[in-house]
Amino acid sequence: MDYDAIIVGGGIIGLSAAHKLATNGKKVAVLEKKRPGAGATGLSGGLIRVFDPEIELAEFAAESYNLFNTNKNIPYKDSFVKTGALYVRDASTRSETEHIIQILNQKYSYYSELLNKDQCTELYPNISWQDSESVIVVHEPNAGYADPLKISLSLVDKIEYLGSDILEGTEVSGFVSKSGKIEAVKTNIGSLTAKHFVIANGAWAASLDCPESVRSREIQIHFFQNSKVHPILIDETLGGLYARPCINGSSLVGVPLLEWDIDPDLKRSISCAENTRSIATQRLSSLVDAPLCGGRRGFDGYTQTNQGYIKKSDFKKNLIWAVGWSGCGFKLAPAIASRIFDIVA
């Protein structure tokens, strides 16, 4: 079958792009070597928020957030849990942070604000601020989280209902090219043809000779029993620590590790729980004696700038790269899908 587009990668980026294309009448195939959502998506913390120290990413996230709220065809609302979010930065970044907040508020009508220690304590009494003089805190009252795997499987149902295909267990080994275009993709089930090819395989991008440097990086996640209510927390001053509450009364806590170029296909055991705890308790003191109740090792594909990219190949005019989202792909997926659609359409 000749498809309008073949998408390599069945994570949230690939599925969101396929859904956007299928909704607009395109015949699409998603090639996933495992099962949809089985890679970085299924291991994600599922944070849906906007502020970012890079203004381009903050604006991209604001665009995506607005799509969550206005597009009834995107199944994010079904599992969205509003918690609010606090983004902690060094106090020296106040001027640039205020500038980003102003753009988000005025251009995108996404409300965020800087809080002082007293305001933080009043709103979120279970967060510790011993270093309040050296940090600033961005508050996003409308942030929250959703279940990435549940949303991925919902997208699968919608894509197939619209007449497009999800090809599980389909591994890509290369391309057939002619006259500056890709004619087919070579897989373990044979060659498949399409008008356009989209690479959205995250940490596996290097396996298909991605023209930009995308490196796989590991993220350690632990769950701790915690009866104290708290918002989403992202802390630059603590090495990129992030945490969010869970519906079952626990806290998910993630810490990016300095383990690069890992094999994302290898199953890795959880470890370093006490290291995660020691970092997290600097903000969440209720975790000091909290029982550990599980964990997982996540990963993603990172670029040198921590910014992903969507662009057509310089050498194959019908090839589109959409990789390198550096741990932010879930919250950006609707906006990424719209950009891919604009290129294909």
Protein backbone atom coordinates (compact mmCIF):
# COMPACT_ATOMS: atom_id res chain seq x y z
CA MET A 1 0.00 0.00 0.00
CA ASP A 2 1.22 3.50 -0.85
CA TYR A 3 0.77 5.79 2.16
CA ASP A 4 0.62 9.56 2.29
CA ALA A 5 3.03 9.39 5.22
CA ILE A 6 4.97 6.75 7.10
CA ILE A 7 5.97 7.65 10.65
CA VAL A 8 8.84 5.81 12.31
CA GLY A 9 8.23 5.69 16.05
CA GLY A 10 5.05 4.88 17.98
CA GLY A 11 5.60 7.16 20.96
CA ILE A 12 3.56 10.24 21.77
CA ILE A 13 5.23 12.33 19.04
CA GLY A 14 4.68 9.81 16.25
CA LEU A 15 1.14 8.98 17.35
CA SER A 16 0.16 12.64 17.72
CA ALA A 17 1.49 13.38 14.23
CA ALA A 18 -0.30 10.35 12.78
CA HIS A 19 -3.56 11.40 14.45
CA LYS A 20 -3.26 14.95 13.12
CA LEU A 21 -2.61 13.68 9.58
CA ALA A 22 -5.32 11.01 9.70
CA THR A 23 -7.86 13.49 11.05
CA ASN A 24 -7.18 15.60 7.98
CA GLY A 25 -7.72 12.80 5.49
CA LYS A 26 -4.20 11.42 5.10
CA LYS A 27 -3.49 7.69 4.95
CA VAL A 28 -0.75 7.02 7.49
CA ALA A 29 1.26 4.10 8.82
CA VAL A 30 3.04 4.22 12.18
CA LEU A 31 5.97 1.80 12.41
CA GLU A 32 6.77 0.76 15.99
CA LYS A 33 9.30 -1.96 16.69
CA LYS A 34 7.76 -2.78 20.07
CA ARG A 35 4.28 -1.62 21.11
CA PRO A 36 2.88 1.92 20.97
CA GLY A 37 4.06 3.92 23.97
CA ALA A 38 6.61 1.27 24.95
CA GLY A 39 9.64 3.59 24.77
CA ALA A 40 10.29 6.89 26.53
CA THR A 41 6.59 7.81 26.39
CA GLY A 42 5.47 5.00 28.66
CA LEU A 43 8.18 5.89 31.19
CA SER A 44 7.43 9.62 31.20
CA GLY A 45 6.20 11.56 34.22
CA GLY A 46 3.50 13.08 31.99
CA LEU A 47 4.00 16.71 33.05
CA ILE A 48 1.91 19.29 31.19
CA ARG A 49 3.28 22.75 31.89
CA VAL A 50 4.67 25.70 29.96
CA PHE A 51 7.49 27.76 31.51
CA ASP A 52 10.97 27.06 30.17
CA PRO A 53 14.21 29.08 30.46
CA GLU A 54 14.49 28.92 26.67
CA ILE A 55 11.88 31.30 25.27
CA GLU A 56 11.44 29.28 22.07
CA LEU A 57 10.51 26.17 24.08
CA ALA A 58 8.26 28.16 26.41
CA GLU A 59 6.32 29.56 23.45
CA PHE A 60 6.15 26.13 21.84
CA ALA A 61 4.80 24.68 25.10
CA ALA A 62 2.21 27.48 25.35
CA GLU A 63 1.04 26.71 21.82
CA SER A 64 0.77 23.05 22.75
CA TYR A 65 -1.07 23.76 26.01
CA ASN A 66 -3.66 25.81 24.15
CA LEU A 67 -4.17 22.91 21.74
CA PHE A 68 -4.82 20.62 24.72
CA ASN A 69 -7.65 22.92 25.74
CA THR A 70 -9.21 23.78 22.39
CA ASN A 71 -8.92 20.65 20.23
CA LYS A 72 -11.61 18.15 21.18
CA ASN A 73 -9.93 15.50 19.03
CA ILE A 74 -6.87 15.39 21.31
CA PRO A 75 -7.60 12.95 24.16
CA TYR A 76 -5.48 14.70 26.81
CA LYS A 77 -8.31 16.15 28.86
CA ASP A 78 -9.62 12.71 29.74
CA SER A 79 -6.75 12.03 32.13
CA PHE A 80 -5.48 15.53 32.98
CA VAL A 81 -4.98 16.20 36.70
CA LYS A 82 -4.53 19.87 37.59
CA THR A 83 -1.95 20.34 40.36
CA GLY A 84 -0.21 23.64 39.65
CA ALA A 85 3.55 23.78 39.16
CA LEU A 86 6.55 25.53 40.69
CA TYR A 87 9.69 26.08 38.62
CA VAL A 88 12.71 26.99 40.78
CA ARG A 89 15.61 29.01 39.32
CA ASP A 90 18.67 30.84 40.57
CA ALA A 91 17.85 34.41 41.64
CA SER A 92 20.34 35.79 39.10
CA THR A 93 17.91 34.86 36.31
CA ARG A 94 15.13 37.15 37.56
CA SER A 95 15.19 39.62 34.66
CA GLU A 96 15.07 37.02 31.87
CA THR A 97 12.48 34.99 33.79
CA GLU A 98 10.20 38.01 34.14
CA HIS A 99 10.53 38.60 30.39
CA ILE A 100 9.45 35.04 29.58
CA ILE A 101 6.50 35.26 31.99
CA GLN A 102 5.39 38.50 30.35
CA ILE A 103 5.41 36.91 26.89
CA LEU A 104 3.46 33.86 28.08
CA ASN A 105 0.85 36.02 29.80
CA GLN A 106 0.41 38.58 27.03
CA LYS A 107 0.94 36.61 23.82
CA TYR A 108 -0.55 33.26 24.82
CA SER A 109 -2.90 34.18 27.69
CA TYR A 110 -1.14 31.57 29.80
CA TYR A 111 -1.03 32.85 33.35
CA SER A 112 2.17 32.44 35.34
CA GLU A 113 3.78 34.55 38.03
CA LEU A 114 6.77 34.92 40.31
CA LEU A 115 6.13 34.08 43.95
CA ASN A 116 8.07 35.12 47.01
CA LYS A 117 8.71 32.82 49.96
CA ASP A 118 5.61 33.91 51.90
CA GLN A 119 3.35 33.39 48.88
CA CYS A 120 4.87 29.95 48.19
CA THR A 121 4.40 28.93 51.81
CA GLU A 122 0.81 30.10 51.85
CA LEU A 123 -0.13 28.29 48.66
CA TYR A 124 2.03 25.19 49.13
CA PRO A 125 2.94 24.77 52.82
CA ASN A 126 4.59 21.38 52.25
CA ILE A 127 7.45 22.82 50.17
CA SER A 128 10.68 23.86 51.95
CA TRP A 129 12.37 27.20 51.17
CA GLN A 130 15.45 27.49 53.39
CA ASP A 131 17.36 29.02 50.44
CA SER A 132 14.63 31.53 49.56
CA GLU A 133 17.07 34.43 49.18
CA SER A 134 19.06 32.70 46.43
CA VAL A 135 16.20 31.36 44.27
CA ILE A 136 13.14 32.61 42.41
CA VAL A 137 9.99 30.59 41.87
CA VAL A 138 7.72 30.60 38.82
CA HIS A 139 4.17 29.56 39.62
CA GLU A 140 1.95 27.97 36.94
CA PRO A 141 -1.45 27.48 38.61
CA ASN A 142 -2.95 25.71 35.57
CA ALA A 143 -0.23 23.10 35.10
CA GLY A 144 -0.78 19.42 35.80
CA TYR A 145 -0.08 15.95 34.49
CA ALA A 146 -1.70 13.19 32.46
CA ASP A 147 -1.12 9.51 31.77
CA PRO A 148 1.13 9.22 28.69
CA LEU A 149 0.42 5.54 28.07
CA LYS A 150 -3.35 5.94 28.38
CA ILE A 151 -3.27 8.83 25.93
CA SER A 152 -1.04 6.91 23.51
CA LEU A 153 -3.41 3.95 23.42
CA SER A 154 -6.36 6.30 22.95
CA LEU A 155 -4.58 7.84 19.96
CA VAL A 156 -3.99 4.35 18.54
CA ASP A 157 -7.74 3.66 18.64
CA LYS A 158 -8.52 6.98 16.96
CA ILE A 159 -5.88 6.52 14.25
CA GLU A 160 -7.14 3.05 13.36
CA TYR A 161 -10.77 4.23 13.42
CA LEU A 162 -9.81 6.86 10.83
CA GLY A 163 -8.49 4.14 8.52
CA SER A 164 -4.76 4.43 9.10
CA ASP A 165 -2.42 1.69 10.31
CA ILE A 166 -0.39 0.98 13.44
CA LEU A 167 2.23 -1.64 12.56
CA GLU A 168 3.57 -3.12 15.81
CA GLY A 169 6.75 -5.17 15.85
CA THR A 170 7.97 -3.41 12.72
CA GLU A 171 11.64 -2.46 12.84
CA VAL A 172 13.20 -0.13 10.29
CA SER A 173 16.61 -1.04 8.89
CA GLY A 174 17.07 1.62 6.20
CA PHE A 175 15.65 3.43 3.21
CA VAL A 176 15.44 3.02 -0.55
CA SER A 177 16.34 6.34 -2.18
CA LYS A 178 16.29 7.67 -5.72
CA SER A 179 16.80 11.13 -7.23
CA GLY A 180 17.00 12.93 -3.88
CA LYS A 181 13.87 11.32 -2.45
CA ILE A 182 13.04 8.29 -0.34
CA GLU A 183 10.92 5.79 -2.24
CA ALA A 184 10.50 3.18 0.49
CA VAL A 185 11.47 2.24 4.01
CA LYS A 186 13.04 -1.19 4.57
CA THR A 187 11.63 -3.15 7.50
CA ASN A 188 11.49 -6.68 8.89
CA ILE A 189 8.05 -7.10 7.25
CA GLY A 190 9.20 -5.85 3.84
CA SER A 191 9.54 -2.51 2.09
CA LEU A 192 6.80 0.10 2.51
CA THR A 193 6.24 3.09 0.25
CA ALA A 194 4.90 6.57 0.98
CA LYS A 195 4.95 10.16 -0.24
CA HIS A 196 6.49 11.43 3.01
CA PHE A 197 8.55 9.85 5.77
CA VAL A 198 8.68 11.19 9.34
CA ILE A 199 11.34 10.07 11.82
CA ALA A 200 10.01 10.40 15.37
CA ASN A 201 11.90 7.61 17.11
CA GLY A 202 13.43 9.64 19.94
CA ALA A 203 16.42 7.99 21.58
CA TRP A 204 16.79 5.66 18.58
CA ALA A 205 17.39 8.54 16.12
CA ALA A 206 21.10 7.77 15.79
CA SER A 207 20.27 4.29 14.43
CA LEU A 208 18.86 5.94 11.30
CA ASP A 209 21.80 8.32 10.82
CA CYS A 210 20.17 11.41 12.25
CA PRO A 211 22.03 14.44 10.83
CA GLU A 212 22.11 16.20 14.20
CA SER A 213 23.58 14.86 17.43
CA VAL A 214 20.82 13.20 19.45
CA ARG A 215 22.15 11.30 22.47
CA SER A 216 20.22 8.95 24.71
CA ARG A 217 20.24 9.92 28.39
CA GLU A 218 18.95 8.06 31.40
CA ILE A 219 16.49 9.40 33.97
CA GLN A 220 15.99 7.77 37.37
CA ILE A 221 12.44 7.80 38.74
CA HIS A 222 11.33 6.69 42.20
CA PHE A 223 7.97 6.62 43.94
CA PHE A 224 7.66 7.45 47.63
CA GLN A 225 4.57 7.19 49.82
CA ASN A 226 3.64 10.75 50.70
CA SER A 227 0.42 11.99 52.30
CA LYS A 228 1.47 15.65 51.99
CA VAL A 229 -0.13 17.43 49.05
CA HIS A 230 2.29 19.26 46.74
CA PRO A 231 2.31 20.64 43.21
CA ILE A 232 4.54 19.69 40.31
CA LEU A 233 8.05 20.81 41.18
CA ILE A 234 10.94 21.44 38.78
CA ASP A 235 14.17 22.69 40.29
CA GLU A 236 17.10 23.88 38.19
CA THR A 237 19.16 24.49 41.31
CA LEU A 238 18.93 20.82 42.28
CA GLY A 239 20.22 19.38 39.02
CA GLY A 240 16.90 19.30 37.19
CA LEU A 241 14.99 17.47 39.93
CA TYR A 242 11.28 17.08 39.18
CA ALA A 243 8.42 15.73 41.23
CA ARG A 244 4.69 15.39 41.01
CA PRO A 245 1.93 13.93 43.15
CA CYS A 246 0.19 10.71 42.16
CA ILE A 247 -3.48 9.85 42.56
CA ASN A 248 -2.64 6.94 44.87
CA GLY A 249 -1.06 9.19 47.51
CA SER A 250 2.56 8.84 46.47
CA SER A 251 5.09 11.21 44.92
CA LEU A 252 6.91 10.54 41.66
CA VAL A 253 10.43 11.97 41.82
CA GLY A 254 12.76 12.11 38.82
CA VAL A 255 16.47 12.89 38.64
CA PRO A 256 18.35 13.13 35.31
CA LEU A 257 21.51 11.02 35.46
CA LEU A 258 24.89 11.64 33.88
CA GLU A 259 24.63 8.38 31.97
CA TRP A 260 24.72 9.12 28.25
CA ASP A 261 24.54 7.06 25.06
CA ILE A 262 22.72 4.21 26.77
CA ASP A 263 21.09 1.41 24.83
CA PRO A 264 17.37 2.21 25.18
CA ASP A 265 16.48 -1.39 24.35
CA LEU A 266 18.19 -2.75 27.47
CA LYS A 267 16.06 -3.25 30.57
CA ARG A 268 17.73 -1.53 33.50
CA SER A 269 17.09 -2.06 37.19
CA ILE A 270 16.16 0.80 39.49
CA SER A 271 18.79 1.99 41.93
CA CYS A 272 20.04 5.11 43.72
CA ALA A 273 16.80 5.60 45.67
CA GLU A 274 18.61 7.21 48.58
CA ASN A 275 20.37 9.61 46.23
CA THR A 276 16.99 10.62 44.80
CA ARG A 277 15.58 10.99 48.30
CA SER A 278 18.49 13.14 49.52
CA ILE A 279 18.00 15.59 46.66
CA ALA A 280 14.21 15.65 46.85
CA THR A 281 14.03 16.25 50.60
CA GLN A 282 15.65 19.64 50.13
CA ARG A 283 12.21 20.71 48.88
CA LEU A 284 9.92 17.91 50.04
CA SER A 285 10.88 17.27 53.65
CA SER A 286 7.99 14.80 54.01
CA LEU A 287 10.05 12.31 52.00
CA VAL A 288 12.77 12.00 54.65
CA ASP A 289 11.26 8.83 56.13
CA ALA A 290 8.75 8.08 53.38
CA PRO A 291 8.66 4.40 52.34
CA LEU A 292 9.94 3.65 48.85
CA CYS A 293 7.16 2.17 46.72
CA GLY A 294 8.77 1.47 43.38
CA GLY A 295 10.58 3.12 40.55
CA ARG A 296 11.70 2.89 36.95
CA ARG A 297 14.49 3.96 34.64
CA GLY A 298 13.36 6.35 31.95
CA PHE A 299 15.30 7.86 29.05
CA ASP A 300 14.99 10.22 26.13
CA GLY A 301 16.91 11.57 23.17
CA TYR A 302 18.72 14.82 24.01
CA THR A 303 20.36 17.47 21.84
CA GLN A 304 23.27 19.68 22.91
CA THR A 305 20.87 22.60 23.43
CA ASN A 306 18.09 20.49 25.02
CA GLN A 307 15.84 21.64 22.18
CA GLY A 308 14.33 19.21 19.71
CA TYR A 309 13.84 20.04 16.09
CA ILE A 310 11.41 19.53 13.23
CA LYS A 311 12.91 19.95 9.82
CA LYS A 312 13.08 18.50 6.36
CA SER A 313 16.22 16.61 5.45
CA ASP A 314 18.83 18.56 3.51
CA PHE A 315 19.39 15.54 1.29
CA LYS A 316 16.01 13.78 1.03
CA LYS A 317 13.25 16.28 0.32
CA ASN A 318 10.40 14.02 1.50
CA LEU A 319 12.11 13.07 4.81
CA ILE A 320 11.17 14.94 8.01
CA TRP A 321 13.06 14.69 11.30
CA ALA A 322 11.15 15.29 14.56
CA VAL A 323 13.53 14.18 17.31
CA GLY A 324 15.65 15.35 20.24
CA TRP A 325 12.92 16.60 22.58
CA SER A 326 15.12 16.22 25.64
CA GLY A 327 12.47 15.09 28.10
CA CYS A 328 9.81 17.57 26.91
CA GLY A 329 8.13 15.62 24.11
CA PHE A 330 4.94 14.76 25.96
CA LYS A 331 3.90 18.33 26.72
CA LEU A 332 4.93 19.51 23.22
CA ALA A 333 3.32 16.70 21.20
CA PRO A 334 0.21 18.53 19.89
CA ALA A 335 2.28 21.48 18.64
CA ILE A 336 4.90 19.19 17.10
CA ALA A 337 2.11 17.29 15.31
CA SER A 338 0.75 20.55 13.89
CA ARG A 339 4.17 21.52 12.54
CA ILE A 340 4.63 18.11 10.91
CA PHE A 341 1.18 18.38 9.33
CA ASP A 342 2.06 21.80 7.90
CA ILE A 343 5.15 20.34 6.23
CA VAL A 344 3.39 17.26 4.84
CA ALA A 345 0.27 19.12 3.72
